Protein backbone atom coordinates (compact mmCIF):
# COMPACT_ATOMS: atom_id res chain seq x y z
CA MET A 1 28.26 -16.97 -11.80
CA LYS A 2 27.49 -20.47 -13.00
CA SER A 3 27.23 -21.37 -16.75
CA ALA A 4 24.26 -22.97 -16.45
CA ASP A 5 23.06 -19.93 -14.89
CA LYS A 6 23.88 -17.86 -17.15
CA LYS A 7 22.56 -19.93 -20.05
CA ARG A 8 19.08 -19.82 -18.37
CA TYR A 9 18.91 -16.19 -17.90
CA LEU A 10 20.68 -15.61 -21.54
CA LYS A 11 17.42 -17.54 -22.75
CA THR A 12 15.25 -15.48 -20.96
CA VAL A 13 16.61 -12.06 -22.48
CA ARG A 14 16.50 -13.71 -26.15
CA GLY A 15 13.19 -14.17 -25.87
CA TRP A 16 12.54 -10.34 -24.99
CA ASN A 17 10.59 -8.01 -27.62
CA ILE A 18 12.80 -5.07 -27.75
CA LYS A 19 11.90 -2.23 -29.81
CA THR A 20 13.82 0.25 -31.37
CA ASN A 21 11.95 3.28 -30.08
CA PRO A 22 12.90 3.69 -26.17
CA GLU A 23 10.29 3.50 -23.53
CA TYR A 24 9.50 4.33 -19.84
CA ARG A 25 8.18 2.14 -17.22
CA SER A 26 8.94 0.57 -14.70
CA PHE A 27 10.50 -2.42 -13.73
CA ARG A 28 8.89 -5.88 -15.21
CA CYS A 29 10.19 -9.34 -14.01
CA ALA A 30 12.30 -10.49 -17.08
CA ASN A 31 10.80 -14.12 -16.73
CA CYS A 32 7.04 -13.43 -16.08
CA GLN A 33 6.59 -9.75 -16.46
CA LYS A 34 4.64 -9.29 -13.23
CA HIS A 35 5.61 -4.89 -12.07
CA LEU A 36 7.25 -4.94 -9.54
CA HIS A 37 8.45 -2.45 -6.42
CA LYS A 38 11.40 -4.34 -5.31
CA ALA A 39 13.35 -6.73 -7.52
CA TRP A 40 16.61 -9.09 -7.76
CA HIS A 41 19.03 -7.15 -9.88
CA ILE A 42 20.96 -9.89 -11.76
CA TRP A 43 24.57 -8.59 -13.51
CA PHE A 44 26.65 -10.53 -15.56
CA ASP A 45 28.90 -10.26 -18.89
CA HIS A 46 28.16 -11.94 -22.25
CA GLU A 47 30.62 -11.59 -24.95
CA GLY A 48 32.30 -8.19 -23.37
CA TYR A 49 28.59 -6.53 -22.74
CA LYS A 50 27.26 -5.99 -19.22
CA CYS A 51 23.73 -6.88 -18.80
CA GLU A 52 20.90 -6.67 -16.32
CA ILE A 53 17.57 -8.87 -15.83
CA HIS A 54 15.50 -8.06 -12.88
CA LEU A 55 13.46 -11.10 -11.08
CA CYS A 56 10.47 -10.67 -8.70
CA GLN A 57 10.99 -13.39 -5.43
CA LYS A 58 8.77 -16.12 -7.62
CA CYS A 59 11.10 -16.51 -10.30
CA TYR A 60 14.37 -15.87 -8.56
CA SER A 61 13.61 -18.76 -6.60
CA LYS A 62 12.40 -20.76 -9.44
CA LYS A 63 16.33 -20.04 -11.24
CA GLN A 64 18.02 -20.70 -7.85
């Protein structure tokens, strides 16, 4: 994964409001928060952690 892509994805992750209590929900786009039935699953490593984000087709196309 290119460094510039990784930086964009980390910026998206840092914008999340992570709750301490777990919740059950369907997938939503990491960028626009649209509910998804099909998603791009993007995995990357950051400082020893495996990270996964999901993007809809529209947001995935913008990130490319």
